[in-house]
Amino acid sequence: MRIIVDSREHPQAIRGILAYFDRNGIEYEIRGMETGDYMQDGHPERIIDRKQSLDELARNLLSKDRARFYREVRRAHSAGTQLIILCECGAKYRDTAVLKAWRSFYGKTDGRGLYEAILAAIMAYGVQFYFCDKRDTGRRIVELLKMED
């Protein structure tokens, strides 16, 4: 398996992910991607867009700047690409139903609004949402992208 990593991913933010790939013999290449942050080489039909926190996810789904995120979602949907959002938010929020209790530290965003926006993206565009602890992100990327060649 060879994974393409978007060149716009900040090196500090993905240090642990790349270390996981190295420890487990996962080949990767860093290059520009039009949509998403990770994909299995030769399999553009499934991509992962990584979010570093629920606050980042909420900004993407609910802020005034959400148009950019939804352009990416629509571009993937139009191309027949399965878009997977992988949010690094810790063990507490592994299930979308639990999100209803979440509250942003930075604004007025609450979990109910985020939960409803996630459901809307699932229903309108078939986006899949997964949640993990930052320590597990590399492993989850490999699991979610693994496709038969």
Protein backbone atom coordinates (compact mmCIF):
# COMPACT_ATOMS: atom_id res chain seq x y z
CA MET A 1 0.00 0.00 0.00
CA ARG A 2 1.25 3.45 -0.93
CA ILE A 3 -0.49 6.52 0.47
CA ILE A 4 -0.51 9.96 -1.11
CA VAL A 5 -0.28 12.75 1.48
CA ASP A 6 -1.35 16.24 0.47
CA SER A 7 1.58 18.65 0.42
CA ARG A 8 -0.52 21.29 2.21
CA GLU A 9 -0.58 19.20 5.39
CA HIS A 10 1.62 21.01 7.93
CA PRO A 11 4.77 18.95 8.68
CA GLN A 12 4.43 19.38 12.46
CA ALA A 13 0.77 18.33 12.41
CA ILE A 14 1.47 15.08 10.55
CA ARG A 15 4.73 14.08 12.18
CA GLY A 16 3.00 11.31 14.19
CA ILE A 17 1.11 10.06 11.14
CA LEU A 18 4.26 9.77 9.04
CA ALA A 19 6.08 8.10 11.95
CA TYR A 20 3.29 5.49 12.06
CA PHE A 21 3.66 4.91 8.32
CA ASP A 22 7.44 4.52 8.69
CA ARG A 23 7.16 2.11 11.67
CA ASN A 24 4.68 -0.06 9.79
CA GLY A 25 6.32 -0.12 6.38
CA ILE A 26 3.61 1.98 4.73
CA GLU A 27 5.01 3.74 1.69
CA TYR A 28 3.89 7.33 1.19
CA GLU A 29 4.50 10.22 -1.14
CA ILE A 30 3.88 13.87 -0.35
CA ARG A 31 2.35 15.73 -3.29
CA GLY A 32 -0.44 18.17 -4.03
CA MET A 33 -3.98 16.86 -3.95
CA GLU A 34 -6.95 18.76 -5.34
CA THR A 35 -9.34 17.31 -2.78
CA GLY A 36 -8.66 15.82 0.64
CA ASP A 37 -5.45 15.05 2.48
CA TYR A 38 -4.86 11.29 2.02
CA MET A 39 -5.62 8.64 -0.57
CA GLN A 40 -4.30 5.25 -1.55
CA ASP A 41 -2.16 5.61 -4.66
CA GLY A 42 -4.13 4.47 -7.69
CA HIS A 43 -7.45 4.66 -5.84
CA PRO A 44 -8.83 8.20 -6.11
CA GLU A 45 -12.34 6.85 -5.50
CA ARG A 46 -11.80 7.16 -1.72
CA ILE A 47 -10.08 10.08 0.02
CA ILE A 48 -9.67 11.26 3.58
CA ASP A 49 -9.87 14.86 4.71
CA ARG A 50 -8.31 15.09 8.20
CA LYS A 51 -9.56 17.57 10.79
CA GLN A 52 -7.40 18.27 13.84
CA SER A 53 -10.30 18.99 16.21
CA LEU A 54 -14.04 19.32 16.54
CA ASP A 55 -13.55 23.09 16.42
CA GLU A 56 -11.92 22.79 12.98
CA LEU A 57 -14.73 20.51 11.83
CA ALA A 58 -17.32 22.96 13.16
CA ARG A 59 -15.61 25.87 11.36
CA ASN A 60 -15.72 23.87 8.13
CA LEU A 61 -19.36 22.90 8.48
CA LEU A 62 -20.93 25.90 10.20
CA SER A 63 -18.90 29.10 9.76
CA LYS A 64 -19.29 31.82 7.17
CA ASP A 65 -16.35 30.22 5.36
CA ARG A 66 -18.08 26.84 4.93
CA ALA A 67 -18.49 27.45 1.18
CA ARG A 68 -14.88 26.35 0.56
CA PHE A 69 -15.45 23.09 2.43
CA TYR A 70 -18.69 22.39 0.58
CA ARG A 71 -17.02 23.09 -2.79
CA GLU A 72 -14.58 20.31 -1.92
CA VAL A 73 -17.45 18.03 -0.85
CA ARG A 74 -19.37 18.70 -4.07
CA ARG A 75 -16.24 18.22 -6.19
CA ALA A 76 -15.64 14.81 -4.60
CA HIS A 77 -19.31 13.84 -4.93
CA SER A 78 -19.43 14.86 -8.61
CA ALA A 79 -16.31 12.82 -9.32
CA GLY A 80 -17.82 9.73 -7.67
CA THR A 81 -15.23 9.91 -4.89
CA GLN A 82 -16.11 8.71 -1.39
CA LEU A 83 -15.09 11.54 0.94
CA ILE A 84 -14.19 10.50 4.46
CA ILE A 85 -13.75 13.09 7.20
CA LEU A 86 -11.43 11.86 9.94
CA CYS A 87 -11.58 14.10 12.98
CA GLU A 88 -8.93 13.88 15.70
CA CYS A 89 -11.01 14.65 18.76
CA GLY A 90 -10.09 12.08 21.37
CA ALA A 91 -11.85 9.04 22.72
CA LYS A 92 -14.85 10.86 24.17
CA TYR A 93 -16.46 11.73 20.81
CA ARG A 94 -16.11 8.48 18.86
CA ASP A 95 -19.84 8.41 18.10
CA THR A 96 -21.71 11.23 16.35
CA ALA A 97 -24.63 10.92 18.79
CA VAL A 98 -22.29 11.92 21.66
CA LEU A 99 -21.43 15.13 19.79
CA LYS A 100 -24.69 16.69 20.91
CA ALA A 101 -23.07 17.34 24.32
CA TRP A 102 -19.98 19.04 22.85
CA ARG A 103 -19.41 22.78 23.24
CA SER A 104 -16.71 24.78 21.48
CA PHE A 105 -14.12 26.55 23.61
CA TYR A 106 -13.79 29.30 21.00
CA GLY A 107 -17.30 30.33 20.10
CA LYS A 108 -20.99 29.78 20.38
CA THR A 109 -20.98 26.57 18.38
CA ASP A 110 -22.59 23.66 20.15
CA GLY A 111 -22.71 19.96 19.53
CA ARG A 112 -26.32 19.88 18.39
CA GLY A 113 -25.59 22.25 15.50
CA LEU A 114 -22.48 20.30 14.56
CA TYR A 115 -24.38 17.00 14.76
CA GLU A 116 -27.11 18.35 12.46
CA ALA A 117 -24.53 19.66 9.96
CA ILE A 118 -22.82 16.25 9.92
CA LEU A 119 -26.14 14.51 9.25
CA ALA A 120 -26.90 16.97 6.44
CA ALA A 121 -23.52 16.28 4.79
CA ILE A 122 -24.08 12.54 5.11
CA MET A 123 -27.55 12.69 3.59
CA ALA A 124 -26.79 15.22 0.82
CA TYR A 125 -23.37 14.00 -0.29
CA GLY A 126 -22.71 10.62 1.32
CA VAL A 127 -19.77 11.98 3.31
CA GLN A 128 -18.53 9.54 5.95
CA PHE A 129 -17.39 10.83 9.34
CA TYR A 130 -15.00 9.01 11.65
CA PHE A 131 -13.48 10.16 14.92
CA CYS A 132 -10.25 9.10 16.57
CA ASP A 133 -7.56 10.00 19.05
CA LYS A 134 -4.53 11.75 17.51
CA ARG A 135 -2.37 8.76 18.49
CA ASP A 136 -4.50 6.52 16.26
CA THR A 137 -4.74 8.72 13.17
CA GLY A 138 -2.06 6.95 11.12
CA ARG A 139 -3.61 3.54 11.79
CA ARG A 140 -7.13 4.80 11.02
CA ILE A 141 -5.95 6.34 7.73
CA VAL A 142 -4.51 2.99 6.65
CA GLU A 143 -7.65 1.10 7.73
CA LEU A 144 -10.01 3.52 5.96
CA LEU A 145 -8.02 3.65 2.74
CA LYS A 146 -7.18 -0.05 2.42
CA MET A 147 -8.57 -1.23 -0.88
CA GLU A 148 -7.86 -4.35 -2.85
CA ASP A 149 -5.56 -3.82 -5.82
